[in-house]
Protein backbone atom coordinates (compact mmCIF):
# COMPACT_ATOMS: atom_id res chain seq x y z
CA UNK A 1 9.43 17.46 23.44
CA UNK A 2 8.97 14.47 21.27
CA UNK A 3 6.90 11.38 21.85
CA UNK A 4 7.92 8.04 20.34
CA UNK A 5 5.26 5.19 20.85
CA UNK A 6 7.16 1.97 20.65
CA UNK A 7 5.95 -1.73 19.98
CA UNK A 8 7.33 -4.76 18.39
CA UNK A 9 6.97 -3.84 14.71
CA UNK A 10 5.44 -0.33 14.50
CA UNK A 11 2.23 -1.80 13.00
CA UNK A 12 -0.41 -2.10 15.57
CA UNK A 13 -0.13 -0.77 19.20
CA UNK A 14 2.33 2.20 18.55
CA UNK A 15 0.46 3.16 15.34
CA UNK A 16 -2.99 3.08 17.27
CA UNK A 17 -1.58 4.99 20.32
CA UNK A 18 -0.06 7.65 17.82
CA UNK A 19 -3.40 8.03 16.04
CA UNK A 20 -5.24 8.59 19.26
CA UNK A 21 -2.61 11.12 20.35
CA UNK A 22 -2.97 13.02 17.09
CA UNK A 23 -6.78 12.91 17.00
CA UNK A 24 -6.97 10.61 14.11
CA UNK A 25 -8.90 8.09 16.31
CA UNK A 26 -11.31 9.07 18.92
CA UNK A 27 -10.66 9.17 22.70
CA UNK A 28 -14.40 9.06 23.54
CA UNK A 29 -15.52 5.89 21.87
CA UNK A 30 -14.15 2.65 20.41
CA UNK A 31 -13.53 2.95 16.66
CA UNK A 32 -15.11 0.48 14.20
CA UNK A 33 -12.84 -2.16 12.71
CA UNK A 34 -12.97 -0.22 9.54
CA UNK A 35 -11.78 2.92 11.22
CA UNK A 36 -8.83 1.12 12.59
CA UNK A 37 -7.99 -0.62 9.44
CA UNK A 38 -8.21 2.59 7.48
CA UNK A 39 -5.25 4.12 9.25
CA UNK A 40 -2.72 4.34 6.49
CA UNK A 41 -0.09 2.61 8.45
CA UNK A 42 -2.01 -0.04 10.41
CA UNK A 43 -0.58 -3.52 9.98
CA UNK A 44 1.61 -2.31 7.12
CA UNK A 45 5.13 -1.99 8.55
CA UNK A 46 7.32 -4.88 7.48
CA UNK A 47 9.89 -6.59 9.80
CA UNK A 48 12.74 -5.16 7.69
CA UNK A 49 11.47 -1.63 9.09
CA UNK A 50 12.18 -2.81 12.64
CA UNK A 51 14.40 -0.03 14.27
CA UNK A 52 13.08 2.67 11.83
CA UNK A 53 11.56 5.82 13.38
CA UNK A 54 8.29 6.95 11.62
CA UNK A 55 7.20 10.57 11.97
CA UNK A 56 3.32 10.77 12.34
CA UNK A 57 2.77 14.53 12.91
CA UNK A 58 2.55 17.18 15.51
CA UNK A 59 -0.26 17.25 18.21
CA UNK A 60 -2.30 20.29 19.20
CA UNK A 61 0.57 21.54 21.43
CA UNK A 62 3.23 21.16 18.63
CA UNK A 63 4.71 18.05 20.07
CA UNK A 64 6.11 15.67 17.54
CA UNK A 65 4.77 12.14 17.59
CA UNK A 66 6.55 9.17 16.15
CA UNK A 67 6.31 5.25 16.16
CA UNK A 68 9.02 2.88 16.42
CA UNK A 69 9.30 -0.90 16.28
CA UNK A 70 12.11 -2.53 18.16
CA UNK A 71 11.47 -6.32 17.88
CA UNK A 72 11.91 -8.67 20.65
CA UNK A 73 15.00 -6.96 22.21
CA UNK A 74 13.22 -3.75 22.69
CA UNK A 75 15.00 -2.93 25.97
CA UNK A 76 18.26 -2.93 24.01
CA UNK A 77 16.78 -0.84 21.44
CA UNK A 78 15.70 1.77 23.92
CA UNK A 79 19.42 1.95 25.30
CA UNK A 80 20.54 2.27 21.69
CA UNK A 81 18.20 5.14 20.81
CA UNK A 82 19.05 6.99 24.19
CA UNK A 83 22.90 6.65 23.58
CA UNK A 84 22.55 7.73 20.00
CA UNK A 85 20.71 10.80 21.13
CA UNK A 86 23.42 11.59 23.49
CA UNK A 87 26.17 11.01 20.79
CA UNK A 88 24.57 13.46 18.49
CA UNK A 89 24.16 16.09 21.06
CA UNK A 90 20.46 15.75 21.82
CA UNK A 91 19.15 15.73 25.29
CA UNK A 92 17.39 12.41 25.74
CA UNK A 93 15.00 13.96 28.17
CA UNK A 94 13.41 15.82 25.11
CA UNK A 95 12.26 12.45 23.78
CA UNK A 96 9.91 10.30 25.70
CA UNK A 97 9.67 6.69 24.58
CA UNK A 98 6.36 5.02 25.39
CA UNK A 99 6.07 1.28 25.45
CA UNK A 100 2.65 0.54 23.85
CA UNK A 101 2.85 -3.16 23.28
CA UNK A 102 1.46 -4.17 26.78
CA UNK A 103 -1.65 -2.46 25.95
CA UNK A 104 -2.74 -4.96 23.22
CA UNK A 105 -4.45 -8.35 23.50
CA UNK A 106 -3.17 -11.66 22.12
CA UNK A 107 -5.85 -11.34 19.40
CA UNK A 108 -4.02 -8.33 17.88
CA UNK A 109 -0.61 -10.24 18.15
CA UNK A 110 -2.16 -13.19 16.51
CA UNK A 111 -3.75 -11.11 13.73
CA UNK A 112 -0.35 -9.27 13.26
CA UNK A 113 1.40 -12.55 12.85
CA UNK A 114 -1.13 -14.01 10.45
CA UNK A 115 -0.88 -10.87 8.30
CA UNK A 116 2.74 -9.90 8.41
CA UNK A 117 4.56 -13.13 9.06
CA UNK A 118 2.34 -15.75 7.14
CA UNK A 119 0.91 -13.40 4.41
CA UNK A 120 -2.74 -13.95 5.44
CA UNK A 121 -3.26 -10.23 5.44
CA UNK A 122 -6.99 -10.30 4.41
CA UNK A 123 -7.73 -12.21 7.57
CA UNK A 124 -4.90 -11.08 9.85
CA UNK A 125 -5.41 -7.37 9.46
CA UNK A 126 -9.09 -7.74 10.38
CA UNK A 127 -8.36 -9.81 13.43
CA UNK A 128 -5.66 -7.31 14.46
CA UNK A 129 -8.12 -4.49 14.19
CA UNK A 130 -10.64 -6.40 16.25
CA UNK A 131 -8.07 -7.04 18.87
CA UNK A 132 -7.27 -3.21 18.98
CA UNK A 133 -10.93 -2.62 19.59
CA UNK A 134 -10.93 -5.05 22.53
CA UNK A 135 -7.85 -3.29 24.16
CA UNK A 136 -8.66 0.33 22.95
CA UNK A 137 -9.62 1.62 26.40
CA UNK A 138 -6.08 0.75 27.59
CA UNK A 139 -4.52 2.60 24.74
CA UNK A 140 -6.63 5.57 25.23
CA UNK A 141 -5.49 5.57 29.00
CA UNK A 142 -1.87 5.28 27.92
CA UNK A 143 -2.18 8.22 25.58
CA UNK A 144 -4.02 10.28 28.28
CA UNK A 145 -1.28 9.48 30.80
CA UNK A 146 1.31 10.74 28.42
CA UNK A 147 -0.60 13.94 27.53
CA UNK A 148 -1.21 14.64 31.32
CA UNK A 149 2.58 14.10 31.95
CA UNK A 150 3.40 16.46 29.30
CA UNK A 151 1.09 19.27 30.82
CA UNK A 152 2.66 18.77 34.05
CA UNK A 153 6.25 19.47 32.91
């Protein structure tokens, strides 16, 4: 099984969800802004990487975890990924694509735009991390639901 956490640009919600899944961020408390900002890939993906799959590691059960940014047309991107898997002979059911963007707040989206689109990374990155903290319980719930579903199958 492979888990792909998907969001707009593979910079905030998917990166945070993958870090929670892999135990790089805690499930039992809200991390500090510094802990979020210290993730090596938080708020660092460029728009030119939209559509690129990033391997993040294996979890405690040996499941591979990835992140993927699909931009505004993410539903089209999902269909493309699924059809590509079929074309190369992979069973799409061995990949679970998890939409993480709905878990974050406007604050994170604003911080991401300031940082990545307008180049104010020193302010935007901190604002995005602050927003992640506000939406962190939703991200933890998402990851826990994914892990619970994996254990049921």
